Structures are given as C-alpha cells and as structure tokens.
Amino acid sequence: MPVPRDETATMGNPIPIELNPVSEVTVDAALVSSGLGLEVAEFRRLMDHRKITVLCERGTGPDAGLYRASFYYQGKRVRLVVDRDGNPVPGRDDA
C-alpha cells in the first residue's frame, strides 16, 4: 500500500541538472594522435570506425567552461583539459 505523501514535508535546496546539453568541443587531432603514437590520418580513421573510446567531462564550479577529454586506444590514454574552443589549458594536461 503506498504511503501518503506528507504535504507539509519540504525538500532541501534544489540542484539544477542539465541533461544532454548541446555543446561541441573540437580538439586538435595532432595533440591526441601523437599521445597515442599514431599518425593523424590513422587516428582519424580509427575515430571514424569507433575504435578509439572518448570520454568528455564538463567542469563545474571553478572549472566551469573547461572540459577534460580522455581518449583511450589499446591500453593507452591521452587526457587533455581544454577550454570551450578546444584550446589546451596550460598546466592542466592529464589532470
């Protein structure tokens, strides 16, 4: 039997959550391919064939506007912290 909701109960502070925000960040393929030990053309081919796994994380709080992009291929990982325009942030690589 469902428990009636207590109309007097209050929630804590709401937390805004964005689902599927539409944003795209383009990273220089030469930076990533060299880190994976690949030529740019081979890197692009592997990306097109979905052989390279990509994880992109969006910064919050003091890191808002930054993105951490991780690329994985054959046990190797390249991680870059970039701004909205895809420019690497000095001192933040492999964070």
N, C-alpha and C. Protein backbone atom coordinates (compact mmCIF):
# COMPACT_ATOMS: atom_id res chain seq x y z
N MET A 1 0.85 -1.17 0.00
CA MET A 1 0.00 0.00 0.00
C MET A 1 0.90 1.24 0.00
N PRO A 2 0.69 2.19 -0.92
CA PRO A 2 1.51 3.40 -0.96
C PRO A 2 1.33 4.25 0.30
N VAL A 3 2.42 4.85 0.71
CA VAL A 3 2.39 5.74 1.86
C VAL A 3 1.99 7.12 1.36
N PRO A 4 0.99 7.75 1.98
CA PRO A 4 0.58 9.08 1.53
C PRO A 4 1.72 10.08 1.70
N ARG A 5 1.85 10.95 0.74
CA ARG A 5 2.90 11.97 0.78
C ARG A 5 2.51 13.03 1.81
N ASP A 6 3.44 13.36 2.64
CA ASP A 6 3.21 14.38 3.65
C ASP A 6 3.30 15.75 2.98
N GLU A 7 2.19 16.40 2.83
CA GLU A 7 2.13 17.70 2.16
C GLU A 7 2.93 18.77 2.89
N THR A 8 3.24 18.54 4.17
CA THR A 8 3.99 19.55 4.92
C THR A 8 5.49 19.34 4.80
N ALA A 9 5.90 18.20 4.27
CA ALA A 9 7.34 17.94 4.13
C ALA A 9 7.94 18.89 3.11
N THR A 10 9.15 19.33 3.35
CA THR A 10 9.81 20.23 2.42
C THR A 10 11.08 19.59 1.90
N MET A 11 11.43 19.96 0.69
CA MET A 11 12.67 19.47 0.09
C MET A 11 13.80 20.41 0.49
N GLY A 12 15.02 19.90 0.37
CA GLY A 12 16.19 20.76 0.56
C GLY A 12 16.32 21.70 -0.63
N ASN A 13 17.45 22.34 -0.73
CA ASN A 13 17.67 23.24 -1.86
C ASN A 13 17.73 22.43 -3.15
N PRO A 14 17.02 22.86 -4.18
CA PRO A 14 17.05 22.13 -5.45
C PRO A 14 18.42 22.26 -6.11
N ILE A 15 18.80 21.23 -6.84
CA ILE A 15 20.06 21.21 -7.58
C ILE A 15 19.72 21.15 -9.06
N PRO A 16 20.09 22.16 -9.83
CA PRO A 16 19.78 22.11 -11.27
C PRO A 16 20.64 21.05 -11.96
N ILE A 17 20.02 20.28 -12.80
CA ILE A 17 20.72 19.24 -13.56
C ILE A 17 20.41 19.45 -15.04
N GLU A 18 21.44 19.58 -15.83
CA GLU A 18 21.26 19.70 -17.27
C GLU A 18 21.45 18.32 -17.88
N LEU A 19 20.46 17.86 -18.61
CA LEU A 19 20.58 16.59 -19.30
C LEU A 19 20.80 16.85 -20.78
N ASN A 20 21.77 16.17 -21.33
CA ASN A 20 22.09 16.29 -22.75
C ASN A 20 22.27 17.73 -23.21
N PRO A 21 23.13 18.48 -22.54
CA PRO A 21 23.36 19.84 -23.04
C PRO A 21 24.00 19.77 -24.43
N VAL A 22 23.57 20.64 -25.28
CA VAL A 22 24.09 20.64 -26.65
C VAL A 22 25.32 21.53 -26.68
N SER A 23 26.47 20.92 -26.73
CA SER A 23 27.71 21.65 -26.89
C SER A 23 28.70 20.73 -27.56
N GLU A 24 29.57 21.31 -28.32
CA GLU A 24 30.57 20.54 -29.05
C GLU A 24 31.91 21.20 -28.86
N VAL A 25 32.91 20.41 -28.55
CA VAL A 25 34.26 20.89 -28.38
C VAL A 25 35.13 20.13 -29.37
N THR A 26 35.91 20.86 -30.15
CA THR A 26 36.80 20.25 -31.13
C THR A 26 38.23 20.37 -30.62
N VAL A 27 38.91 19.23 -30.56
CA VAL A 27 40.28 19.17 -30.06
C VAL A 27 41.22 18.88 -31.23
N ASP A 28 42.41 19.46 -31.21
CA ASP A 28 43.40 19.25 -32.26
C ASP A 28 43.80 17.78 -32.32
N ALA A 29 43.52 17.14 -33.46
CA ALA A 29 43.80 15.72 -33.64
C ALA A 29 45.29 15.41 -33.50
N ALA A 30 46.15 16.36 -33.86
CA ALA A 30 47.60 16.12 -33.78
C ALA A 30 48.04 15.92 -32.33
N LEU A 31 47.43 16.67 -31.40
CA LEU A 31 47.79 16.52 -29.99
C LEU A 31 47.44 15.13 -29.47
N VAL A 32 46.27 14.66 -29.84
CA VAL A 32 45.81 13.37 -29.35
C VAL A 32 46.53 12.23 -30.06
N SER A 33 46.65 12.32 -31.37
CA SER A 33 47.27 11.22 -32.13
C SER A 33 48.71 10.99 -31.70
N SER A 34 49.46 12.06 -31.48
CA SER A 34 50.85 11.88 -31.06
C SER A 34 50.93 11.22 -29.70
N GLY A 35 50.02 11.57 -28.81
CA GLY A 35 49.99 10.94 -27.50
C GLY A 35 49.66 9.46 -27.53
N LEU A 36 48.90 9.07 -28.57
CA LEU A 36 48.55 7.65 -28.74
C LEU A 36 49.55 6.91 -29.62
N GLY A 37 50.56 7.64 -30.13
CA GLY A 37 51.57 7.01 -31.00
C GLY A 37 51.04 6.72 -32.39
N LEU A 38 50.12 7.55 -32.87
CA LEU A 38 49.51 7.34 -34.18
C LEU A 38 49.74 8.55 -35.08
N GLU A 39 49.72 8.31 -36.39
CA GLU A 39 49.69 9.41 -37.35
C GLU A 39 48.28 9.98 -37.33
N VAL A 40 48.15 11.26 -37.68
CA VAL A 40 46.85 11.92 -37.65
C VAL A 40 45.83 11.18 -38.53
N ALA A 41 46.23 10.78 -39.73
CA ALA A 41 45.30 10.10 -40.65
C ALA A 41 44.80 8.79 -40.04
N GLU A 42 45.69 8.04 -39.40
CA GLU A 42 45.29 6.78 -38.77
C GLU A 42 44.37 7.05 -37.58
N PHE A 43 44.68 8.08 -36.81
CA PHE A 43 43.83 8.47 -35.69
C PHE A 43 42.42 8.79 -36.17
N ARG A 44 42.32 9.59 -37.23
CA ARG A 44 41.01 9.96 -37.77
C ARG A 44 40.25 8.73 -38.27
N ARG A 45 40.96 7.81 -38.94
CA ARG A 45 40.33 6.59 -39.43
C ARG A 45 39.79 5.76 -38.27
N LEU A 46 40.60 5.61 -37.22
CA LEU A 46 40.16 4.84 -36.06
C LEU A 46 38.98 5.52 -35.36
N MET A 47 38.98 6.85 -35.30
CA MET A 47 37.84 7.58 -34.72
C MET A 47 36.58 7.32 -35.56
N ASP A 48 36.72 7.40 -36.88
CA ASP A 48 35.58 7.17 -37.77
C ASP A 48 35.00 5.78 -37.59
N HIS A 49 35.86 4.81 -37.30
CA HIS A 49 35.43 3.41 -37.11
C HIS A 49 35.14 3.08 -35.65
N ARG A 50 35.13 4.11 -34.81
CA ARG A 50 34.81 3.96 -33.39
C ARG A 50 35.71 2.96 -32.66
N LYS A 51 36.98 2.98 -33.02
CA LYS A 51 37.97 2.12 -32.36
C LYS A 51 38.67 2.83 -31.21
N ILE A 52 38.48 4.14 -31.13
CA ILE A 52 39.04 4.93 -30.04
C ILE A 52 37.88 5.37 -29.15
N THR A 53 38.01 5.11 -27.87
CA THR A 53 36.97 5.48 -26.92
C THR A 53 37.25 6.89 -26.41
N VAL A 54 36.18 7.69 -26.31
CA VAL A 54 36.32 9.07 -25.87
C VAL A 54 35.38 9.32 -24.69
N LEU A 55 35.91 9.97 -23.68
CA LEU A 55 35.10 10.41 -22.54
C LEU A 55 35.35 11.90 -22.38
N CYS A 56 34.29 12.69 -22.36
CA CYS A 56 34.42 14.13 -22.18
C CYS A 56 33.64 14.54 -20.94
N GLU A 57 34.33 15.22 -20.03
CA GLU A 57 33.72 15.66 -18.78
C GLU A 57 33.69 17.18 -18.76
N ARG A 58 32.58 17.73 -18.33
CA ARG A 58 32.39 19.18 -18.28
C ARG A 58 32.69 19.68 -16.88
N GLY A 59 33.52 20.71 -16.78
CA GLY A 59 33.88 21.27 -15.48
C GLY A 59 32.73 22.01 -14.84
N THR A 60 32.73 22.02 -13.51
CA THR A 60 31.73 22.77 -12.74
C THR A 60 32.44 23.65 -11.74
N GLY A 61 31.69 24.55 -11.13
CA GLY A 61 32.28 25.44 -10.12
C GLY A 61 33.43 26.23 -10.70
N PRO A 62 34.61 26.18 -10.05
CA PRO A 62 35.75 26.96 -10.55
C PRO A 62 36.27 26.45 -11.90
N ASP A 63 35.88 25.24 -12.30
CA ASP A 63 36.30 24.68 -13.58
C ASP A 63 35.23 24.84 -14.67
N ALA A 64 34.19 25.59 -14.39
CA ALA A 64 33.14 25.82 -15.39
C ALA A 64 33.77 26.42 -16.64
N GLY A 65 33.35 25.93 -17.79
CA GLY A 65 33.90 26.40 -19.06
C GLY A 65 35.07 25.58 -19.54
N LEU A 66 35.52 24.63 -18.70
CA LEU A 66 36.62 23.73 -19.09
C LEU A 66 36.06 22.33 -19.32
N TYR A 67 36.77 21.57 -20.14
CA TYR A 67 36.39 20.20 -20.45
C TYR A 67 37.62 19.31 -20.32
N ARG A 68 37.43 18.12 -19.78
CA ARG A 68 38.51 17.14 -19.73
C ARG A 68 38.15 16.05 -20.72
N ALA A 69 38.94 15.93 -21.77
CA ALA A 69 38.71 14.94 -22.81
C ALA A 69 39.74 13.83 -22.67
N SER A 70 39.25 12.60 -22.54
CA SER A 70 40.12 11.44 -22.42
C SER A 70 39.90 10.54 -23.62
N PHE A 71 41.00 10.12 -24.24
CA PHE A 71 40.97 9.25 -25.42
C PHE A 71 41.69 7.96 -25.06
N TYR A 72 41.07 6.82 -25.35
CA TYR A 72 41.62 5.51 -25.00
C TYR A 72 41.77 4.65 -26.25
N TYR A 73 42.96 4.03 -26.39
CA TYR A 73 43.19 3.13 -27.52
C TYR A 73 44.30 2.15 -27.15
N GLN A 74 43.99 0.88 -27.24
CA GLN A 74 44.94 -0.21 -26.99
C GLN A 74 45.76 0.00 -25.72
N GLY A 75 45.08 0.24 -24.63
CA GLY A 75 45.75 0.38 -23.33
C GLY A 75 46.44 1.71 -23.11
N LYS A 76 46.33 2.62 -24.06
CA LYS A 76 46.93 3.95 -23.90
C LYS A 76 45.83 4.96 -23.63
N ARG A 77 46.20 6.02 -22.91
CA ARG A 77 45.25 7.09 -22.62
C ARG A 77 45.93 8.44 -22.84
N VAL A 78 45.18 9.33 -23.50
CA VAL A 78 45.59 10.73 -23.62
C VAL A 78 44.47 11.54 -23.00
N ARG A 79 44.84 12.42 -22.08
CA ARG A 79 43.83 13.25 -21.41
C ARG A 79 44.26 14.70 -21.55
N LEU A 80 43.33 15.53 -22.02
CA LEU A 80 43.58 16.96 -22.20
C LEU A 80 42.50 17.75 -21.49
N VAL A 81 42.88 18.84 -20.87
CA VAL A 81 41.92 19.80 -20.34
C VAL A 81 41.94 20.96 -21.32
N VAL A 82 40.73 21.27 -21.85
CA VAL A 82 40.62 22.31 -22.87
C VAL A 82 39.52 23.30 -22.50
N ASP A 83 39.57 24.48 -23.14
CA ASP A 83 38.52 25.46 -22.94
C ASP A 83 37.39 25.20 -23.94
N ARG A 84 36.39 26.08 -23.97
CA ARG A 84 35.23 25.91 -24.85
C ARG A 84 35.59 25.85 -26.32
N ASP A 85 36.72 26.46 -26.68
CA ASP A 85 37.16 26.48 -28.07
C ASP A 85 38.09 25.32 -28.41
N GLY A 86 38.33 24.42 -27.45
CA GLY A 86 39.19 23.27 -27.70
C GLY A 86 40.67 23.55 -27.50
N ASN A 87 41.01 24.73 -26.97
CA ASN A 87 42.41 25.08 -26.73
C ASN A 87 42.88 24.45 -25.42
N PRO A 88 44.02 23.76 -25.44
CA PRO A 88 44.54 23.18 -24.20
C PRO A 88 44.79 24.26 -23.15
N VAL A 89 44.51 23.93 -21.91
CA VAL A 89 44.72 24.84 -20.80
C VAL A 89 46.10 24.53 -20.20
N PRO A 90 47.04 25.48 -20.26
CA PRO A 90 48.39 25.23 -19.73
C PRO A 90 48.36 24.76 -18.28
N GLY A 91 49.18 23.76 -18.01
CA GLY A 91 49.30 23.25 -16.64
C GLY A 91 48.16 22.35 -16.23
N ARG A 92 47.25 22.03 -17.13
CA ARG A 92 46.09 21.21 -16.76
C ARG A 92 46.05 19.90 -17.53
N ASP A 93 47.04 19.61 -18.37
CA ASP A 93 47.03 18.35 -19.11
C ASP A 93 47.13 17.17 -18.15
N ASP A 94 46.43 16.13 -18.50
CA ASP A 94 46.41 14.88 -17.75
C ASP A 94 45.97 15.09 -16.31
N ALA A 95 45.05 16.04 -16.11
CA ALA A 95 44.53 16.33 -14.76
C ALA A 95 43.63 15.22 -14.28
